[in-house]
């Protein structure tokens, strides 16, 4: 299960990098703040991110982050 959690984490990372690239294209300070503060990246993704597949990218990012974190915690605590 740890491998599955790692896979979800990688998918989440790829989606966040897509949003970060757009933030850096918009303004350098938005990209830097997005790296330093995940909540701002979430705000940017919901409010300012303009992409044809915005909802898919955001949904995959958030769901994979939750599943990856949950599976990693559960496998490290020995519950699975």
N, C-alpha and C. Protein backbone atom coordinates (compact mmCIF):
# COMPACT_ATOMS: atom_id res chain seq x y z
N UNK A 1 0.81 -1.20 0.00
CA UNK A 1 0.00 0.00 0.00
C UNK A 1 0.85 1.26 0.00
N UNK A 2 2.07 1.15 0.47
CA UNK A 2 2.94 2.31 0.48
C UNK A 2 3.28 2.74 -0.95
N UNK A 3 3.38 1.77 -1.85
CA UNK A 3 3.65 2.09 -3.25
C UNK A 3 2.48 2.85 -3.85
N UNK A 4 1.27 2.44 -3.53
CA UNK A 4 0.08 3.12 -4.03
C UNK A 4 0.00 4.55 -3.48
N UNK A 5 0.34 4.72 -2.21
CA UNK A 5 0.38 6.06 -1.62
C UNK A 5 1.42 6.94 -2.30
N UNK A 6 2.57 6.36 -2.60
CA UNK A 6 3.61 7.11 -3.31
C UNK A 6 3.18 7.48 -4.72
N UNK A 7 2.46 6.60 -5.38
CA UNK A 7 1.96 6.89 -6.72
C UNK A 7 0.97 8.06 -6.70
N UNK A 8 0.07 8.04 -5.72
CA UNK A 8 -0.87 9.16 -5.58
C UNK A 8 -0.13 10.46 -5.28
N UNK A 9 0.92 10.40 -4.48
CA UNK A 9 1.69 11.60 -4.16
C UNK A 9 2.39 12.15 -5.40
N UNK A 10 2.88 11.29 -6.26
CA UNK A 10 3.54 11.73 -7.49
C UNK A 10 2.52 12.38 -8.43
N UNK A 11 1.34 11.80 -8.53
CA UNK A 11 0.29 12.39 -9.37
C UNK A 11 -0.10 13.77 -8.83
N UNK A 12 -0.21 13.89 -7.53
CA UNK A 12 -0.52 15.18 -6.91
C UNK A 12 0.57 16.20 -7.18
N UNK A 13 1.82 15.78 -7.11
CA UNK A 13 2.94 16.66 -7.38
C UNK A 13 2.91 17.17 -8.82
N UNK A 14 2.61 16.30 -9.76
CA UNK A 14 2.55 16.69 -11.17
C UNK A 14 1.45 17.74 -11.39
N UNK A 15 0.29 17.53 -10.79
CA UNK A 15 -0.80 18.49 -10.95
C UNK A 15 -0.45 19.83 -10.30
N UNK A 16 0.21 19.80 -9.14
CA UNK A 16 0.59 21.07 -8.51
C UNK A 16 1.66 21.79 -9.32
N UNK A 17 2.52 21.07 -9.99
CA UNK A 17 3.53 21.70 -10.84
C UNK A 17 2.86 22.37 -12.04
N UNK A 18 1.81 21.77 -12.58
CA UNK A 18 1.08 22.40 -13.68
C UNK A 18 0.49 23.73 -13.23
N UNK A 19 -0.06 23.76 -12.03
CA UNK A 19 -0.64 25.01 -11.51
C UNK A 19 0.47 26.01 -11.19
N UNK A 20 1.59 25.54 -10.65
CA UNK A 20 2.71 26.43 -10.36
C UNK A 20 3.28 27.08 -11.62
N UNK A 21 3.38 26.33 -12.68
CA UNK A 21 3.89 26.89 -13.93
C UNK A 21 3.00 28.04 -14.39
N UNK A 22 1.68 27.85 -14.28
CA UNK A 22 0.77 28.91 -14.66
C UNK A 22 0.90 30.11 -13.72
N UNK A 23 1.13 29.86 -12.44
CA UNK A 23 1.30 30.95 -11.48
C UNK A 23 2.56 31.75 -11.79
N UNK A 24 3.65 31.08 -12.14
CA UNK A 24 4.87 31.79 -12.51
C UNK A 24 4.69 32.57 -13.81
N UNK A 25 3.88 32.06 -14.75
CA UNK A 25 3.62 32.80 -15.98
C UNK A 25 2.81 34.06 -15.69
N UNK A 26 1.93 33.98 -14.72
CA UNK A 26 1.11 35.13 -14.36
C UNK A 26 1.95 36.23 -13.70
N UNK A 27 2.70 35.85 -12.66
CA UNK A 27 3.59 36.79 -11.96
C UNK A 27 4.58 35.97 -11.14
N UNK A 28 5.81 36.45 -11.09
CA UNK A 28 6.86 35.72 -10.37
C UNK A 28 6.50 35.57 -8.90
N UNK A 29 5.96 36.63 -8.29
CA UNK A 29 5.66 36.57 -6.86
C UNK A 29 4.56 35.55 -6.57
N UNK A 30 3.63 35.36 -7.51
CA UNK A 30 2.58 34.37 -7.30
C UNK A 30 3.16 32.95 -7.30
N UNK A 31 4.12 32.71 -8.14
CA UNK A 31 4.77 31.40 -8.17
C UNK A 31 5.58 31.13 -6.91
N UNK A 32 6.29 32.16 -6.44
CA UNK A 32 7.10 31.99 -5.23
C UNK A 32 6.21 31.76 -4.01
N UNK A 33 5.14 32.55 -3.91
CA UNK A 33 4.21 32.37 -2.79
C UNK A 33 3.52 31.00 -2.90
N UNK A 34 3.25 30.56 -4.12
CA UNK A 34 2.64 29.24 -4.31
C UNK A 34 3.55 28.12 -3.86
N UNK A 35 4.86 28.28 -4.04
CA UNK A 35 5.81 27.28 -3.55
C UNK A 35 5.86 27.28 -2.03
N UNK A 36 5.87 28.47 -1.45
CA UNK A 36 6.03 28.59 0.00
C UNK A 36 4.75 28.30 0.78
N UNK A 37 3.60 28.54 0.18
CA UNK A 37 2.33 28.40 0.90
C UNK A 37 1.35 27.61 0.04
N UNK A 38 1.06 26.40 0.46
CA UNK A 38 0.15 25.56 -0.30
C UNK A 38 -1.27 26.08 -0.34
N UNK A 39 -1.69 26.81 0.70
CA UNK A 39 -3.03 27.37 0.70
C UNK A 39 -3.19 28.43 -0.39
N UNK A 40 -2.13 29.22 -0.62
CA UNK A 40 -2.21 30.19 -1.71
C UNK A 40 -2.29 29.49 -3.05
N UNK A 41 -1.57 28.39 -3.20
CA UNK A 41 -1.63 27.64 -4.45
C UNK A 41 -3.04 27.09 -4.69
N UNK A 42 -3.68 26.66 -3.62
CA UNK A 42 -5.07 26.21 -3.72
C UNK A 42 -5.97 27.38 -4.12
N UNK A 43 -5.78 28.54 -3.49
CA UNK A 43 -6.55 29.74 -3.86
C UNK A 43 -6.31 30.09 -5.33
N UNK A 44 -5.05 30.11 -5.74
CA UNK A 44 -4.72 30.44 -7.13
C UNK A 44 -5.38 29.45 -8.08
N UNK A 45 -5.34 28.18 -7.73
CA UNK A 45 -5.92 27.16 -8.60
C UNK A 45 -7.42 27.32 -8.76
N UNK A 46 -8.10 27.72 -7.69
CA UNK A 46 -9.55 27.86 -7.76
C UNK A 46 -9.96 29.17 -8.42
N UNK A 47 -9.28 30.26 -8.08
CA UNK A 47 -9.74 31.59 -8.51
C UNK A 47 -9.09 32.06 -9.81
N UNK A 48 -7.78 31.92 -9.95
CA UNK A 48 -7.07 32.56 -11.05
C UNK A 48 -6.57 31.61 -12.14
N UNK A 49 -6.55 30.34 -11.88
CA UNK A 49 -6.02 29.36 -12.84
C UNK A 49 -6.97 29.24 -14.03
N UNK A 50 -6.46 29.55 -15.21
CA UNK A 50 -7.25 29.46 -16.44
C UNK A 50 -6.67 28.37 -17.32
N UNK A 51 -7.40 27.29 -17.44
CA UNK A 51 -6.95 26.15 -18.23
C UNK A 51 -8.19 25.43 -18.74
N UNK A 52 -8.15 24.86 -19.95
CA UNK A 52 -9.33 24.15 -20.45
C UNK A 52 -9.76 22.99 -19.56
N UNK A 53 -8.82 22.34 -18.90
CA UNK A 53 -9.12 21.19 -18.03
C UNK A 53 -8.95 21.55 -16.56
N UNK A 54 -9.32 22.76 -16.18
CA UNK A 54 -9.12 23.24 -14.82
C UNK A 54 -9.75 22.33 -13.77
N UNK A 55 -11.00 21.96 -13.97
CA UNK A 55 -11.69 21.15 -12.96
C UNK A 55 -11.05 19.77 -12.82
N UNK A 56 -10.64 19.19 -13.92
CA UNK A 56 -10.01 17.87 -13.86
C UNK A 56 -8.67 17.94 -13.12
N UNK A 57 -7.87 18.95 -13.44
CA UNK A 57 -6.56 19.10 -12.79
C UNK A 57 -6.72 19.33 -11.29
N UNK A 58 -7.64 20.22 -10.92
CA UNK A 58 -7.85 20.50 -9.50
C UNK A 58 -8.40 19.28 -8.76
N UNK A 59 -9.35 18.57 -9.37
CA UNK A 59 -9.92 17.40 -8.72
C UNK A 59 -8.88 16.30 -8.54
N UNK A 60 -8.11 16.03 -9.58
CA UNK A 60 -7.08 14.99 -9.48
C UNK A 60 -6.03 15.39 -8.45
N UNK A 61 -5.65 16.68 -8.44
CA UNK A 61 -4.66 17.17 -7.48
C UNK A 61 -5.12 16.96 -6.04
N UNK A 62 -6.33 17.40 -5.73
CA UNK A 62 -6.81 17.32 -4.35
C UNK A 62 -7.11 15.89 -3.92
N UNK A 63 -7.76 15.12 -4.78
CA UNK A 63 -8.09 13.74 -4.42
C UNK A 63 -6.84 12.89 -4.27
N UNK A 64 -5.89 13.05 -5.17
CA UNK A 64 -4.67 12.25 -5.07
C UNK A 64 -3.82 12.67 -3.86
N UNK A 65 -3.84 13.94 -3.51
CA UNK A 65 -3.11 14.39 -2.32
C UNK A 65 -3.72 13.78 -1.05
N UNK A 66 -5.04 13.78 -0.97
CA UNK A 66 -5.71 13.21 0.20
C UNK A 66 -5.48 11.71 0.28
N UNK A 67 -5.66 11.02 -0.84
CA UNK A 67 -5.46 9.56 -0.84
C UNK A 67 -4.00 9.19 -0.60
N UNK A 68 -3.09 9.92 -1.22
CA UNK A 68 -1.66 9.62 -1.04
C UNK A 68 -1.23 9.84 0.39
N UNK A 69 -1.66 10.94 0.99
CA UNK A 69 -1.31 11.19 2.39
C UNK A 69 -1.94 10.18 3.32
N UNK A 70 -3.20 9.87 3.08
CA UNK A 70 -3.89 8.90 3.94
C UNK A 70 -3.29 7.51 3.85
N UNK A 71 -2.99 7.06 2.65
CA UNK A 71 -2.39 5.73 2.49
C UNK A 71 -0.98 5.67 3.07
N UNK A 72 -0.23 6.75 2.93
CA UNK A 72 1.12 6.76 3.49
C UNK A 72 1.09 6.71 5.01
N UNK A 73 0.19 7.47 5.61
CA UNK A 73 0.07 7.46 7.07
C UNK A 73 -0.40 6.10 7.56
N UNK A 74 -1.38 5.54 6.88
CA UNK A 74 -1.92 4.25 7.31
C UNK A 74 -0.89 3.13 7.16
N UNK A 75 -0.11 3.17 6.08
CA UNK A 75 0.88 2.10 5.90
C UNK A 75 2.06 2.27 6.85
N UNK A 76 2.40 3.51 7.21
CA UNK A 76 3.51 3.69 8.14
C UNK A 76 3.12 3.36 9.58
N UNK A 77 1.82 3.47 9.88
CA UNK A 77 1.38 3.14 11.24
C UNK A 77 1.07 1.66 11.37
N UNK A 78 1.10 0.92 10.29
CA UNK A 78 0.90 -0.51 10.33
C UNK A 78 -0.55 -0.92 10.31
N UNK A 79 -1.45 -0.05 9.92
CA UNK A 79 -2.88 -0.38 9.89
C UNK A 79 -3.24 -1.18 8.66
N UNK A 80 -2.45 -1.08 7.62
CA UNK A 80 -2.78 -1.84 6.40
C UNK A 80 -1.78 -2.96 6.25
